[in-house]
Amino acid sequence: MRTVVHLIQDDAEDRKSALAITKNLTEDDSVELDAVAVVAQGPGIEAVRNDAAVSEHVESLLDDGVSITACQNTMDMHDLTEADLVDGIQTAPSGVGELTRLQSDGYAYIRP
């Protein structure tokens, strides 16, 4: 199975919860996972900044093999560059385009 988590939450605690849910999924031995991805878009982009309070959670997910992609449109709106993101974060021209592509490739969509 493949799963994509949409990280779009406005509230910092909700973003932290979404990351925890993603971590729980990677540690759930009852689920046979081929891939887990996270797409950060809108206010969710705050969680993948290198100065975010949850940056260690993001790094842990990357270490676990989770693919994390930031929306370039959102980054542009917030004057962010790749240097502002946690190392290892990929970018996509649009978050919604990345979500559409992943779902077309068979990823289950989760929005905690």
C-alpha atoms as a PDB file:
ATOM      1  CA  MET A   1       0.000   0.000   0.000  1.00  0.00           C
ATOM      2  CA  ARG A   2       0.981   3.600  -0.573  1.00  0.00           C
ATOM      3  CA  THR A   3      -0.289   6.548   1.446  1.00  0.00           C
ATOM      4  CA  VAL A   4      -0.013  10.320   1.107  1.00  0.00           C
ATOM      5  CA  VAL A   5      -0.696  12.603   4.067  1.00  0.00           C
ATOM      6  CA  HIS A   6      -1.851  16.132   3.243  1.00  0.00           C
ATOM      7  CA  LEU A   7      -0.136  18.540   5.629  1.00  0.00           C
ATOM      8  CA  ILE A   8      -2.300  21.657   5.280  1.00  0.00           C
ATOM      9  CA  GLN A   9      -3.356  22.388   8.860  1.00  0.00           C
ATOM     10  CA  ASP A  10      -3.438  25.991  10.078  1.00  0.00           C
ATOM     11  CA  ASP A  11      -2.988  25.202  13.780  1.00  0.00           C
ATOM     12  CA  ALA A  12       0.504  24.259  15.023  1.00  0.00           C
ATOM     13  CA  GLU A  13      -0.858  21.480  17.266  1.00  0.00           C
ATOM     14  CA  ASP A  14      -2.824  20.051  14.330  1.00  0.00           C
ATOM     15  CA  ARG A  15       0.341  20.035  12.201  1.00  0.00           C
ATOM     16  CA  LYS A  16       2.191  18.254  15.011  1.00  0.00           C
ATOM     17  CA  SER A  17      -0.635  15.727  15.213  1.00  0.00           C
ATOM     18  CA  ALA A  18      -0.511  15.108  11.456  1.00  0.00           C
ATOM     19  CA  LEU A  19       3.208  14.363  11.710  1.00  0.00           C
ATOM     20  CA  ALA A  20       2.588  12.035  14.666  1.00  0.00           C
ATOM     21  CA  ILE A  21      -0.104  10.207  12.703  1.00  0.00           C
ATOM     22  CA  THR A  22       2.337   9.786   9.826  1.00  0.00           C
ATOM     23  CA  LYS A  23       4.979   8.413  12.208  1.00  0.00           C
ATOM     24  CA  ASN A  24       2.411   6.026  13.725  1.00  0.00           C
ATOM     25  CA  LEU A  25       1.612   4.750  10.241  1.00  0.00           C
ATOM     26  CA  THR A  26       5.273   4.014   9.515  1.00  0.00           C
ATOM     27  CA  GLU A  27       5.538   2.072  12.780  1.00  0.00           C
ATOM     28  CA  ASP A  28       2.320   0.058  12.363  1.00  0.00           C
ATOM     29  CA  ASP A  29       3.458  -3.514  11.664  1.00  0.00           C
ATOM     30  CA  SER A  30      -0.101  -4.574  10.795  1.00  0.00           C
ATOM     31  CA  VAL A  31      -0.025  -2.460   7.622  1.00  0.00           C
ATOM     32  CA  GLU A  32       2.122  -3.506   4.691  1.00  0.00           C
ATOM     33  CA  LEU A  33       3.424  -0.217   3.290  1.00  0.00           C
ATOM     34  CA  ASP A  34       5.315   0.285   0.065  1.00  0.00           C
ATOM     35  CA  ALA A  35       5.604   4.062   0.429  1.00  0.00           C
ATOM     36  CA  VAL A  36       4.499   6.962   2.600  1.00  0.00           C
ATOM     37  CA  ALA A  37       4.531  10.549   1.368  1.00  0.00           C
ATOM     38  CA  VAL A  38       3.652  13.899   2.903  1.00  0.00           C
ATOM     39  CA  VAL A  39       2.673  16.966   0.879  1.00  0.00           C
ATOM     40  CA  ALA A  40       3.026  20.275   2.743  1.00  0.00           C
ATOM     41  CA  GLN A  41       0.856  23.050   1.364  1.00  0.00           C
ATOM     42  CA  GLY A  42      -0.686  26.299   2.591  1.00  0.00           C
ATOM     43  CA  PRO A  43      -0.204  26.773   6.344  1.00  0.00           C
ATOM     44  CA  GLY A  44       1.201  23.243   6.557  1.00  0.00           C
ATOM     45  CA  ILE A  45       4.417  24.551   5.014  1.00  0.00           C
ATOM     46  CA  GLU A  46       5.332  25.905   8.455  1.00  0.00           C
ATOM     47  CA  ALA A  47       5.978  22.355   9.688  1.00  0.00           C
ATOM     48  CA  VAL A  48       8.728  21.691   7.147  1.00  0.00           C
ATOM     49  CA  ARG A  49      10.700  24.893   7.719  1.00  0.00           C
ATOM     50  CA  ASN A  50      14.172  24.282   9.128  1.00  0.00           C
ATOM     51  CA  ASP A  51      13.366  26.576  12.072  1.00  0.00           C
ATOM     52  CA  ALA A  52      10.044  24.900  12.916  1.00  0.00           C
ATOM     53  CA  ALA A  53       9.411  23.574  16.408  1.00  0.00           C
ATOM     54  CA  VAL A  54       8.642  20.186  14.800  1.00  0.00           C
ATOM     55  CA  SER A  55      11.690  20.053  12.518  1.00  0.00           C
ATOM     56  CA  GLU A  56      13.072  17.060  14.458  1.00  0.00           C
ATOM     57  CA  HIS A  57       9.810  15.178  13.789  1.00  0.00           C
ATOM     58  CA  VAL A  58      10.163  15.983  10.093  1.00  0.00           C
ATOM     59  CA  GLU A  59      13.793  14.805  10.080  1.00  0.00           C
ATOM     60  CA  SER A  60      12.733  11.576  11.796  1.00  0.00           C
ATOM     61  CA  LEU A  61      10.132  10.922   9.103  1.00  0.00           C
ATOM     62  CA  LEU A  62      12.703  11.551   6.380  1.00  0.00           C
ATOM     63  CA  ASP A  63      15.068   9.125   8.152  1.00  0.00           C
ATOM     64  CA  ASP A  64      12.230   6.561   8.117  1.00  0.00           C
ATOM     65  CA  GLY A  65      12.022   6.872   4.319  1.00  0.00           C
ATOM     66  CA  VAL A  66       8.955   9.105   4.152  1.00  0.00           C
ATOM     67  CA  SER A  67       9.010  11.319   1.076  1.00  0.00           C
ATOM     68  CA  ILE A  68       8.114  14.910   1.991  1.00  0.00           C
ATOM     69  CA  THR A  69       7.270  17.465  -0.674  1.00  0.00           C
ATOM     70  CA  ALA A  70       6.648  21.188  -0.241  1.00  0.00           C
ATOM     71  CA  CYS A  71       4.375  23.181  -2.533  1.00  0.00           C
ATOM     72  CA  GLN A  72       6.423  25.708  -4.514  1.00  0.00           C
ATOM     73  CA  ASN A  73       3.379  27.978  -4.946  1.00  0.00           C
ATOM     74  CA  THR A  74       3.046  28.197  -1.158  1.00  0.00           C
ATOM     75  CA  MET A  75       6.776  28.773  -0.785  1.00  0.00           C
ATOM     76  CA  ASP A  76       6.581  31.634  -3.275  1.00  0.00           C
ATOM     77  CA  MET A  77       3.650  33.208  -1.409  1.00  0.00           C
ATOM     78  CA  HIS A  78       5.676  33.114   1.829  1.00  0.00           C
ATOM     79  CA  ASP A  79       9.001  34.159   0.237  1.00  0.00           C
ATOM     80  CA  LEU A  80      10.593  30.825   1.168  1.00  0.00           C
ATOM     81  CA  THR A  81      13.409  29.068  -0.649  1.00  0.00           C
ATOM     82  CA  GLU A  82      14.624  25.483  -0.434  1.00  0.00           C
ATOM     83  CA  ALA A  83      17.277  26.744   2.016  1.00  0.00           C
ATOM     84  CA  ASP A  84      14.425  27.576   4.432  1.00  0.00           C
ATOM     85  CA  LEU A  85      13.265  23.939   4.487  1.00  0.00           C
ATOM     86  CA  VAL A  86      14.498  20.933   6.444  1.00  0.00           C
ATOM     87  CA  ASP A  87      17.236  19.193   4.450  1.00  0.00           C
ATOM     88  CA  GLY A  88      15.778  16.427   2.325  1.00  0.00           C
ATOM     89  CA  ILE A  89      12.454  18.108   1.555  1.00  0.00           C
ATOM     90  CA  GLN A  90      11.571  17.994  -2.118  1.00  0.00           C
ATOM     91  CA  THR A  91       9.505  20.611  -3.914  1.00  0.00           C
ATOM     92  CA  ALA A  92       6.718  20.366  -6.468  1.00  0.00           C
ATOM     93  CA  PRO A  93       5.306  23.205  -8.572  1.00  0.00           C
ATOM     94  CA  SER A  94       1.924  22.830  -6.871  1.00  0.00           C
ATOM     95  CA  GLY A  95       0.796  20.827  -3.876  1.00  0.00           C
ATOM     96  CA  VAL A  96      -2.516  19.963  -5.466  1.00  0.00           C
ATOM     97  CA  GLY A  97      -0.721  18.738  -8.589  1.00  0.00           C
ATOM     98  CA  GLU A  98       1.528  16.511  -6.476  1.00  0.00           C
ATOM     99  CA  LEU A  99      -1.474  15.141  -4.562  1.00  0.00           C
ATOM    100  CA  THR A 100      -3.270  14.430  -7.836  1.00  0.00           C
ATOM    101  CA  ARG A 101      -0.224  12.672  -9.270  1.00  0.00           C
ATOM    102  CA  LEU A 102       0.252  10.529  -6.167  1.00  0.00           C
ATOM    103  CA  GLN A 103      -3.410   9.561  -6.007  1.00  0.00           C
ATOM    104  CA  SER A 104      -3.297   8.686  -9.704  1.00  0.00           C
ATOM    105  CA  ASP A 105      -0.337   6.430  -8.832  1.00  0.00           C
ATOM    106  CA  GLY A 106      -2.479   4.597  -6.282  1.00  0.00           C
ATOM    107  CA  TYR A 107      -1.682   6.458  -3.068  1.00  0.00           C
ATOM    108  CA  ALA A 108      -4.458   6.564  -0.456  1.00  0.00           C
ATOM    109  CA  TYR A 109      -5.183  10.163   0.586  1.00  0.00           C
ATOM    110  CA  ILE A 110      -5.176  11.020   4.292  1.00  0.00           C
ATOM    111  CA  ARG A 111      -5.983  14.447   5.693  1.00  0.00           C
ATOM    112  CA  PRO A 112      -5.725  14.261   9.468  1.00  0.00           C
END
